[in-house]
Amino acid sequence: MKKLLFSTCVAFLAMTMVIKAQATLIPVTDTLHYYFNKHYFKTGTTIHNFPYYKSAAATSTVLTHVGSRFETQDTIVINGLEAFARMGPSTSQLKIKVTLYLCNLDVNKMPILPAIDSVSQDVSTDPVGGRTVYQVIGGNFKAPRKINKDYAVLFRNMSTVKGDTVHLMRTAGMTFTAWPGVAWNVKYSDGYGYARKLGTFYKTTDLNLPVYGFNTGTDYEFCVAPRVQYTLTANHIQPNEVVSQQTVCTFQSLTYQNASSFHFTHRMFNLLEFYKKWNLLSPFVGQPVNGGWPADSSITWNFLDVDRGPTRPDPRQFLPYGGGTNQIKHYSDSADCFPGCQFRANLRSMGIYGRNTAVPYRGNQDFLLCVDYCNGDAAGIATNQSYAKLMVYPNPVNNGKSTIKGLIGKNNIDVYDMLGQLVHHEMTEQESVQIDLSKLAVGNYVIRIANDRNQNKTLKLQKTE
């Protein structure tokens, strides 16, 4: 029989997922090169052919700062800032000081000065060939900074010598109003670029300053990036019917909810979500890195109650881009226990080309699914009355011996551990029976009882010291 969608998890492992303390915690260190990755993977251009903003010396320009906005929905730690820059070819100095700023935003989402913190570094020529090549500039703050709301990262050329220019990498995004006349690979701006003219910040969207490289229709953002640390929480919430041990029947639709950190489903933190967002317009053309461009889902449920035929359906269920409602619905049309099902939370870092980690950060959780027919009817959803008075005691049990009472007819009794492995089996025709688990490890177990009328019941049992 075809085995579909959502079932129940009555294993203790599944039940403990509801408790936040049992969630998987994963520390992450990353550099959020969101804007660099957007331009590279949409155009495939090499790093030295990126478009750039020609930043003039601070004392000889009315456009002093440029930068980009970042989003967050929780507290993150920012250790420092970095960007890609190079000296202008006609610069007379051997090196030029540039500064990167971390700024709060006002109610209009514009950067606020003075900055929260800043880092400075010199941009210089290639010491070997004397060329003006792109360099990673920036550094760490003297002390980490905590941010819990949207913020901006800004860039400024600090030179006081007229003619000293610095090229800062930018994207080539165009505004929505310009789309009818532009190529597909510039339709990817968030509209998050900033420029500061004569002490006032403006969005770069449709900024009409041709002499500085901005025009109506442009929507440039700048390849600046924060160095961040945060802790991922990978977790999901099982349906109440499962947590409260109600008998769940075939074809009974249940809801599972993602309860993981927002980072998993946010495009600025997770390259998997970034891919889903920007691949909608047209496929990426950048060269594959680390074995290929990622196409996996950030949040997935993998159910093993799905048929295994040559035309089997995909056993996975995915959240849509951005998480959607962070819920999925699932049911099964077959009665059995299915060990090895899995909730998967994957994050691929946002460092340049996604190279900060060789493999994604993973917070996977295995669980056991058990589904019952109700009253022998594969389409029923009523409570199984044959086991209405069934009970197990004592529970928890500390000597390994517990009694099952309320049995009717001939019953097979199977006991599973948290990994879904069968650890005890017996058959009885008695109304009550004592099971001996004294040789098993302390922990949580699932008892599955099946009678000769194709009716099933599952119970939980905890063994203590």
Protein backbone atom coordinates (compact mmCIF):
# COMPACT_ATOMS: atom_id res chain seq x y z
CA MET A 1 0.00 0.00 0.00
CA LYS A 2 1.22 3.45 -0.82
CA LYS A 3 2.55 5.12 2.27
CA LEU A 4 2.19 8.88 2.29
CA LEU A 5 2.60 12.10 4.19
CA PHE A 6 2.38 12.74 7.91
CA SER A 7 2.41 10.12 10.64
CA THR A 8 3.01 10.14 14.36
CA CYS A 9 6.09 10.05 16.51
CA VAL A 10 5.40 8.23 19.72
CA ALA A 11 8.97 7.46 20.53
CA PHE A 12 10.30 9.30 23.56
CA LEU A 13 12.94 10.93 21.41
CA ALA A 14 10.23 12.59 19.37
CA MET A 15 8.37 13.72 22.47
CA THR A 16 11.39 15.37 24.03
CA MET A 17 11.83 17.55 20.92
CA VAL A 18 9.03 19.71 22.22
CA ILE A 19 11.18 20.70 25.18
CA LYS A 20 13.48 23.60 24.26
CA ALA A 21 16.28 22.30 26.50
CA GLN A 22 16.54 19.23 24.26
CA ALA A 23 17.13 21.27 21.11
CA THR A 24 20.38 20.91 19.19
CA LEU A 25 22.64 23.94 19.79
CA ILE A 26 25.26 24.74 17.14
CA PRO A 27 27.82 27.59 17.50
CA VAL A 28 28.56 29.35 14.19
CA THR A 29 31.34 31.72 13.15
CA ASP A 30 30.87 33.32 9.72
CA THR A 31 31.45 36.38 7.56
CA LEU A 32 28.22 37.48 5.89
CA HIS A 33 29.42 38.15 2.33
CA TYR A 34 25.84 38.35 1.16
CA TYR A 35 26.36 41.12 -1.43
CA PHE A 36 29.55 39.67 -2.88
CA ASN A 37 27.89 36.29 -3.35
CA LYS A 38 24.86 37.86 -5.05
CA HIS A 39 26.93 39.52 -7.75
CA TYR A 40 29.32 36.63 -8.28
CA PHE A 41 26.71 33.92 -8.59
CA LYS A 42 24.50 35.99 -10.88
CA THR A 43 27.24 37.09 -13.28
CA GLY A 44 30.11 34.61 -12.94
CA THR A 45 32.59 37.47 -13.26
CA THR A 46 36.02 37.06 -11.70
CA ILE A 47 36.79 38.92 -8.51
CA HIS A 48 39.01 41.47 -10.32
CA ASN A 49 36.29 42.31 -12.84
CA PHE A 50 33.64 43.26 -10.30
CA PRO A 51 31.93 46.61 -10.76
CA TYR A 52 33.20 49.19 -8.28
CA TYR A 53 32.43 52.52 -6.67
CA LYS A 54 35.31 55.00 -6.99
CA SER A 55 35.54 56.52 -3.53
CA ALA A 56 37.30 59.89 -3.55
CA ALA A 57 39.42 61.37 -0.76
CA ALA A 58 37.33 62.45 2.23
CA THR A 59 38.35 66.09 1.91
CA SER A 60 37.55 66.40 -1.81
CA THR A 61 34.06 64.88 -2.17
CA VAL A 62 30.51 65.59 -1.09
CA LEU A 63 29.73 61.84 -1.09
CA THR A 64 31.66 60.62 1.93
CA HIS A 65 30.21 57.22 2.98
CA VAL A 66 28.68 54.29 1.14
CA GLY A 67 27.46 50.97 2.49
CA SER A 68 24.77 48.33 2.80
CA ARG A 69 22.08 47.22 5.21
CA PHE A 70 21.90 43.86 7.01
CA GLU A 71 18.96 42.19 8.70
CA THR A 72 18.73 40.22 11.93
CA GLN A 73 15.87 38.92 14.05
CA ASP A 74 17.79 37.96 17.16
CA THR A 75 20.93 38.91 19.04
CA ILE A 76 24.15 38.23 17.15
CA VAL A 77 27.73 39.10 18.03
CA ILE A 78 29.70 41.16 15.50
CA ASN A 79 33.45 40.80 15.99
CA GLY A 80 34.58 43.02 13.11
CA LEU A 81 34.05 44.12 9.52
CA GLU A 82 35.62 43.52 6.13
CA ALA A 83 35.28 44.55 2.49
CA PHE A 84 37.00 44.20 -0.89
CA ALA A 85 38.88 47.27 -2.10
CA ARG A 86 41.86 48.37 -4.19
CA MET A 87 43.77 51.59 -4.83
CA GLY A 88 42.77 53.69 -7.82
CA PRO A 89 45.32 53.46 -10.67
CA SER A 90 46.19 57.21 -10.62
CA THR A 91 46.70 57.45 -6.85
CA SER A 92 49.94 59.15 -5.86
CA GLN A 93 50.29 57.58 -2.40
CA LEU A 94 51.80 54.19 -1.55
CA LYS A 95 48.85 53.42 0.69
CA ILE A 96 45.48 54.90 1.62
CA LYS A 97 43.67 54.53 4.91
CA VAL A 98 40.05 53.39 4.73
CA THR A 99 37.54 52.90 7.56
CA LEU A 100 34.58 50.58 7.93
CA TYR A 101 31.75 51.52 10.31
CA LEU A 102 29.08 49.51 12.13
CA CYS A 103 25.96 51.65 12.54
CA ASN A 104 22.50 51.48 14.01
CA LEU A 105 19.53 52.51 11.85
CA ASP A 106 16.93 55.18 12.57
CA VAL A 107 13.15 54.74 12.23
CA ASN A 108 13.49 55.28 8.46
CA LYS A 109 16.14 52.53 8.21
CA MET A 110 18.90 55.06 7.56
CA PRO A 111 22.36 54.73 9.19
CA ILE A 112 23.10 56.72 12.33
CA LEU A 113 26.44 58.43 13.02
CA PRO A 114 28.46 58.37 15.20
CA ALA A 115 28.93 54.68 14.59
CA ILE A 116 28.70 51.87 17.13
CA ASP A 117 32.28 50.91 16.27
CA SER A 118 34.77 50.99 13.40
CA VAL A 119 37.95 49.43 12.02
CA SER A 120 40.61 51.01 9.82
CA GLN A 121 43.20 49.57 7.48
CA ASP A 122 45.51 50.74 4.71
CA VAL A 123 44.89 49.78 1.10
CA SER A 124 48.15 49.43 -0.83
CA THR A 125 49.56 48.21 -4.11
CA ASP A 126 50.67 44.64 -4.69
CA PRO A 127 54.10 44.50 -2.96
CA VAL A 128 55.42 42.14 -5.65
CA GLY A 129 54.01 43.32 -8.94
CA GLY A 130 53.05 46.87 -8.00
CA ARG A 131 49.51 46.27 -9.29
CA THR A 132 46.27 47.65 -7.93
CA VAL A 133 44.52 44.40 -6.99
CA TYR A 134 41.54 43.80 -4.74
CA GLN A 135 42.39 43.13 -1.12
CA VAL A 136 40.32 42.01 1.84
CA ILE A 137 40.43 44.99 4.18
CA GLY A 138 39.10 45.44 7.69
CA GLY A 139 39.67 43.77 11.03
CA ASN A 140 38.19 43.00 14.41
CA PHE A 141 36.90 45.45 17.01
CA LYS A 142 38.66 45.80 20.33
CA ALA A 143 35.63 44.12 21.89
CA PRO A 144 32.72 42.22 20.27
CA ARG A 145 29.49 44.11 19.69
CA LYS A 146 25.99 42.67 20.21
CA ILE A 147 23.28 43.61 17.71
CA ASN A 148 19.62 42.62 17.94
CA LYS A 149 18.07 44.64 15.09
CA ASP A 150 18.86 45.66 11.51
CA TYR A 151 22.12 47.54 11.05
CA ALA A 152 24.42 49.04 8.40
CA VAL A 153 28.05 48.57 7.43
CA LEU A 154 29.66 51.66 5.84
CA PHE A 155 32.89 52.41 3.96
CA ARG A 156 34.93 55.65 3.77
CA ASN A 157 38.16 56.71 2.06
CA MET A 158 40.06 58.64 4.77
CA SER A 159 42.70 60.24 2.53
CA THR A 160 43.18 64.03 2.62
CA VAL A 161 45.02 64.11 -0.71
CA LYS A 162 42.93 65.09 -3.72
CA GLY A 163 43.06 62.41 -6.40
CA ASP A 164 43.54 59.53 -3.99
CA THR A 165 40.77 57.14 -4.94
CA VAL A 166 39.84 53.69 -3.67
CA HIS A 167 37.71 51.21 -5.62
CA LEU A 168 35.13 49.44 -3.46
CA MET A 169 33.39 46.36 -4.87
CA ARG A 170 29.67 46.80 -5.48
CA THR A 171 26.81 44.94 -7.13
CA ALA A 172 25.28 45.94 -10.46
CA GLY A 173 21.65 45.82 -9.34
CA MET A 174 18.98 47.83 -11.13
CA THR A 175 15.64 49.07 -9.76
CA PHE A 176 12.36 47.37 -10.56
CA THR A 177 11.35 50.32 -12.74
CA ALA A 178 14.40 49.69 -14.94
CA TRP A 179 13.75 45.97 -15.42
CA PRO A 180 12.04 46.08 -18.83
CA GLY A 181 15.26 47.29 -20.38
CA VAL A 182 17.94 45.38 -18.47
CA ALA A 183 19.38 41.86 -18.47
CA TRP A 184 18.07 39.22 -16.06
CA ASN A 185 21.35 39.06 -14.12
CA VAL A 186 20.99 42.54 -12.60
CA LYS A 187 17.49 41.91 -11.23
CA TYR A 188 18.68 40.93 -7.79
CA SER A 189 18.98 44.02 -5.59
CA ASP A 190 17.30 44.23 -2.19
CA GLY A 191 17.41 48.03 -2.40
CA TYR A 192 19.69 48.05 0.66
CA GLY A 193 22.49 50.35 -0.57
CA TYR A 194 23.37 53.66 1.15
CA ALA A 195 25.27 56.82 0.17
CA ARG A 196 25.93 59.87 2.40
CA LYS A 197 25.90 63.24 0.61
CA LEU A 198 26.73 66.44 2.50
CA GLY A 199 25.94 64.84 5.85
CA THR A 200 22.63 63.18 4.84
CA PHE A 201 22.13 59.50 4.05
CA TYR A 202 20.17 58.42 0.97
CA LYS A 203 19.17 55.06 -0.46
CA THR A 204 21.08 54.34 -3.65
CA THR A 205 17.83 53.29 -5.33
CA ASP A 206 17.22 55.79 -8.16
CA LEU A 207 19.84 58.13 -6.67
CA ASN A 208 20.43 60.75 -9.38
CA LEU A 209 24.13 61.59 -8.99
CA PRO A 210 25.70 60.75 -12.37
CA VAL A 211 29.08 62.25 -11.53
CA TYR A 212 29.41 59.70 -8.68
CA GLY A 213 28.20 56.75 -10.75
CA PHE A 214 24.56 56.72 -9.63
CA ASN A 215 21.62 57.24 -11.96
CA THR A 216 17.88 56.82 -12.07
CA GLY A 217 17.32 53.08 -12.36
CA THR A 218 20.45 52.01 -10.47
CA ASP A 219 20.14 50.08 -7.22
CA TYR A 220 23.73 49.41 -6.20
CA GLU A 221 24.75 47.70 -2.98
CA PHE A 222 28.31 47.44 -1.65
CA CYS A 223 30.37 44.34 -0.87
CA VAL A 224 30.91 45.00 2.81
CA ALA A 225 30.44 42.30 5.42
CA PRO A 226 30.26 41.77 9.20
CA ARG A 227 32.20 39.02 10.95
CA VAL A 228 29.59 37.37 13.14
CA GLN A 229 29.04 34.71 15.77
CA TYR A 230 25.73 33.25 16.83
CA THR A 231 24.25 30.03 18.15
CA LEU A 232 21.87 28.02 16.01
CA THR A 233 18.98 26.24 17.69
CA ALA A 234 17.74 23.25 15.69
CA ASN A 235 14.38 21.97 16.90
CA HIS A 236 10.86 21.07 15.87
CA ILE A 237 7.57 20.63 17.70
CA GLN A 238 5.62 17.41 17.41
CA PRO A 239 1.79 17.47 17.21
CA ASN A 240 -0.13 17.54 20.50
CA GLU A 241 -1.73 14.19 19.66
CA VAL A 242 1.70 12.59 19.68
CA VAL A 243 2.93 14.35 22.80
CA SER A 244 -0.20 13.38 24.77
CA GLN A 245 0.00 9.74 23.56
CA GLN A 246 -3.35 9.73 21.81
CA THR A 247 -3.82 6.92 19.30
CA VAL A 248 -3.21 8.42 15.88
CA CYS A 249 -4.90 6.72 12.98
CA THR A 250 -4.15 6.36 9.31
CA PHE A 251 -5.26 9.33 7.21
CA GLN A 252 -5.28 11.60 10.26
CA SER A 253 -3.51 14.78 9.19
CA LEU A 254 -1.16 16.25 11.80
CA THR A 255 0.92 19.42 11.89
CA TYR A 256 4.65 19.55 12.62
CA GLN A 257 6.28 22.92 13.30
CA ASN A 258 9.81 24.17 12.78
CA ALA A 259 11.07 25.75 16.02
CA SER A 260 14.65 26.41 14.91
CA SER A 261 16.59 29.69 14.87
CA PHE A 262 15.56 32.18 12.19
CA HIS A 263 19.09 31.95 10.72
CA PHE A 264 18.22 28.65 9.01
CA THR A 265 15.54 30.27 6.83
CA HIS A 266 17.14 33.71 6.30
CA ARG A 267 18.88 34.50 3.03
CA MET A 268 21.64 36.63 4.67
CA PHE A 269 22.76 33.83 7.00
CA ASN A 270 22.13 30.64 5.03
CA LEU A 271 23.45 30.08 1.51
CA LEU A 272 20.72 27.44 1.03
CA GLU A 273 18.01 30.08 1.52
CA PHE A 274 20.03 32.59 -0.52
CA TYR A 275 19.99 30.08 -3.37
CA LYS A 276 16.22 29.61 -3.20
CA LYS A 277 15.63 33.38 -3.15
CA TRP A 278 17.84 34.50 -6.02
CA ASN A 279 17.63 31.45 -8.25
CA LEU A 280 13.97 32.32 -8.85
CA LEU A 281 14.89 35.00 -11.40
CA SER A 282 17.34 32.94 -13.44
CA PRO A 283 19.89 30.19 -12.66
CA PHE A 284 23.22 31.18 -11.19
CA VAL A 285 26.18 31.21 -13.55
CA GLY A 286 29.07 31.42 -11.08
CA GLN A 287 31.49 28.52 -11.09
CA PRO A 288 30.57 25.74 -8.64
CA VAL A 289 32.59 25.66 -5.44
CA ASN A 290 33.04 23.02 -2.75
CA GLY A 291 31.68 20.28 -4.98
CA GLY A 292 28.78 22.19 -6.47
CA TRP A 293 26.27 24.95 -5.90
CA PRO A 294 23.95 23.99 -3.01
CA ALA A 295 20.39 23.00 -3.81
CA ASP A 296 19.31 21.33 -0.57
CA SER A 297 16.61 22.67 1.71
CA SER A 298 17.40 24.39 4.98
CA ILE A 299 14.52 22.76 6.92
CA THR A 300 13.33 19.29 5.91
CA TRP A 301 11.35 16.38 7.33
CA ASN A 302 12.31 12.98 5.94
CA PHE A 303 9.58 10.35 6.41
CA LEU A 304 10.31 6.67 5.91
CA ASP A 305 6.62 5.74 5.65
CA VAL A 306 6.82 6.47 1.91
CA ASP A 307 6.76 3.69 -0.71
CA ARG A 308 10.07 2.35 -1.98
CA GLY A 309 9.03 1.43 -5.52
CA PRO A 310 10.70 2.50 -8.80
CA THR A 311 8.39 5.53 -8.99
CA ARG A 312 8.42 6.28 -5.28
CA PRO A 313 7.48 9.80 -4.20
CA ASP A 314 10.05 12.01 -2.53
CA PRO A 315 10.02 11.07 1.19
CA ARG A 316 11.05 14.61 2.11
CA GLN A 317 8.88 17.60 2.93
CA PHE A 318 10.41 21.07 2.72
CA LEU A 319 9.58 24.46 4.10
CA PRO A 320 9.22 27.08 1.35
CA TYR A 321 11.65 29.99 0.92
CA GLY A 322 11.89 32.03 4.12
CA GLY A 323 10.12 29.35 6.15
CA GLY A 324 6.56 30.25 5.17
CA THR A 325 4.34 29.41 8.14
CA ASN A 326 7.10 27.14 9.50
CA GLN A 327 4.63 24.26 9.45
CA ILE A 328 3.95 21.16 7.38
CA LYS A 329 1.10 18.64 7.42
CA HIS A 330 1.59 14.92 7.02
CA TYR A 331 -0.42 11.69 7.25
CA SER A 332 0.09 8.03 6.48
CA ASP A 333 -2.22 5.40 4.97
CA SER A 334 -0.24 2.44 6.39
CA ALA A 335 0.01 1.10 9.93
CA ASP A 336 3.48 0.26 11.13
CA CYS A 337 6.42 1.68 13.06
CA PHE A 338 9.04 3.45 10.95
CA PRO A 339 12.39 3.99 12.70
CA GLY A 340 14.99 6.35 11.29
CA CYS A 341 12.72 9.24 10.25
CA GLN A 342 14.47 12.55 10.58
CA PHE A 343 14.01 16.28 11.10
CA ARG A 344 16.84 18.09 9.30
CA ALA A 345 18.06 21.65 9.84
CA ASN A 346 20.92 22.63 7.51
CA LEU A 347 22.86 25.89 7.24
CA ARG A 348 25.57 26.69 4.71
CA SER A 349 27.74 29.63 5.68
CA MET A 350 27.70 32.96 3.80
CA GLY A 351 31.48 33.48 3.55
CA ILE A 352 32.87 34.31 0.11
CA TYR A 353 31.64 31.60 -2.29
CA GLY A 354 30.27 29.82 0.77
CA ARG A 355 33.77 28.56 1.57
CA ASN A 356 33.81 29.25 5.30
CA THR A 357 32.93 25.61 6.01
CA ALA A 358 33.54 22.48 3.96
CA VAL A 359 30.15 21.03 5.01
CA PRO A 360 26.92 22.66 6.19
CA TYR A 361 26.09 23.13 9.85
CA ARG A 362 23.58 20.39 10.61
CA GLY A 363 21.10 19.93 13.45
CA ASN A 364 19.42 16.61 12.60
CA GLN A 365 17.08 14.74 14.94
CA ASP A 366 16.00 11.12 14.40
CA PHE A 367 12.61 9.85 15.48
CA LEU A 368 10.32 6.83 15.24
CA LEU A 369 6.90 7.02 13.54
CA CYS A 370 4.14 4.63 14.59
CA VAL A 371 0.74 4.58 12.87
CA ASP A 372 -2.33 2.49 13.74
CA TYR A 373 -5.42 1.36 11.86
CA CYS A 374 -8.51 2.25 13.89
CA ASN A 375 -11.12 -0.52 14.46
CA GLY A 376 -9.54 -2.42 11.58
CA ASP A 377 -10.48 0.34 9.13
CA ALA A 378 -7.58 1.78 7.14
CA ALA A 379 -9.54 5.00 6.61
CA GLY A 380 -10.80 5.36 10.19
CA ILE A 381 -9.80 8.03 12.67
CA ALA A 382 -11.73 6.90 15.76
CA THR A 383 -10.01 5.87 19.00
CA ASN A 384 -9.17 2.19 19.17
CA GLN A 385 -11.75 0.91 21.68
CA SER A 386 -10.16 -2.54 22.04
CA TYR A 387 -7.37 -0.95 24.06
CA ALA A 388 -9.48 1.64 25.88
CA LYS A 389 -8.53 0.26 29.35
CA LEU A 390 -4.91 -0.59 28.53
CA MET A 391 -2.29 0.65 30.99
CA VAL A 392 1.32 0.03 31.94
CA TYR A 393 2.60 0.32 35.54
CA PRO A 394 4.75 1.20 37.32
CA ASN A 395 5.91 3.93 34.93
CA PRO A 396 8.62 5.10 35.35
CA VAL A 397 10.04 1.73 36.37
CA ASN A 398 13.28 1.43 38.35
CA ASN A 399 13.84 -2.33 38.46
CA GLY A 400 13.09 -3.03 34.80
CA LYS A 401 9.88 -4.99 35.47
CA SER A 402 6.57 -3.45 34.50
CA THR A 403 3.05 -4.82 34.02
CA ILE A 404 0.76 -4.27 31.03
CA LYS A 405 -2.91 -4.63 31.99
CA GLY A 406 -6.13 -4.47 29.95
CA LEU A 407 -5.16 -6.79 27.09
CA ILE A 408 -7.92 -8.53 25.08
CA GLY A 409 -7.36 -11.65 22.96
CA LYS A 410 -4.02 -12.64 21.45
CA ASN A 411 -1.39 -9.85 21.42
CA ASN A 412 2.16 -9.37 20.16
CA ILE A 413 4.18 -7.03 22.38
CA ASP A 414 7.21 -5.28 20.87
CA VAL A 415 9.47 -2.85 22.75
CA TYR A 416 11.61 -0.30 20.83
CA ASP A 417 14.42 1.93 22.05
CA MET A 418 14.80 5.58 21.02
CA LEU A 419 16.62 4.61 17.83
CA GLY A 420 13.71 2.45 16.72
CA GLN A 421 15.52 -0.84 17.39
CA LEU A 422 13.45 -3.80 18.60
CA VAL A 423 14.80 -4.74 22.04
CA HIS A 424 12.06 -7.07 23.36
CA HIS A 425 9.29 -9.25 21.87
CA GLU A 426 6.74 -11.64 23.28
CA MET A 427 3.25 -12.99 22.55
CA THR A 428 0.49 -13.44 25.13
CA GLU A 429 -3.20 -14.33 25.43
CA GLN A 430 -3.42 -13.15 29.03
CA GLU A 431 -5.30 -10.05 30.24
CA SER A 432 -2.12 -8.83 31.94
CA VAL A 433 1.55 -9.61 31.48
CA GLN A 434 4.79 -8.57 33.13
CA ILE A 435 7.66 -7.53 30.85
CA ASP A 436 11.24 -7.66 32.07
CA LEU A 437 13.58 -4.91 30.79
CA SER A 438 16.08 -5.22 33.63
CA LYS A 439 18.94 -5.98 31.23
CA LEU A 440 18.30 -2.90 29.13
CA ALA A 441 19.90 0.51 29.59
CA VAL A 442 18.27 3.34 31.50
CA GLY A 443 16.24 5.45 29.10
CA ASN A 444 12.98 5.84 27.23
CA TYR A 445 11.18 3.09 25.34
CA VAL A 446 8.07 2.59 23.19
CA ILE A 447 5.81 -0.44 23.65
CA ARG A 448 3.79 -1.43 20.57
CA ILE A 449 0.94 -3.90 21.09
CA ALA A 450 -0.83 -5.55 18.11
CA ASN A 451 -3.72 -7.99 18.38
CA ASP A 452 -5.03 -10.65 15.97
CA ARG A 453 -7.71 -8.25 14.63
CA ASN A 454 -5.13 -5.93 13.07
CA GLN A 455 -5.51 -3.36 15.86
CA ASN A 456 -2.52 -1.59 17.39
CA LYS A 457 -1.68 0.52 20.42
CA THR A 458 1.51 2.28 21.49
CA LEU A 459 2.58 3.19 25.03
CA LYS A 460 5.60 4.95 26.42
CA LEU A 461 7.77 3.59 29.22
CA GLN A 462 10.63 5.20 31.10
CA LYS A 463 13.29 3.12 32.83
CA THR A 464 15.21 4.82 35.63
CA GLU A 465 18.03 3.72 37.95
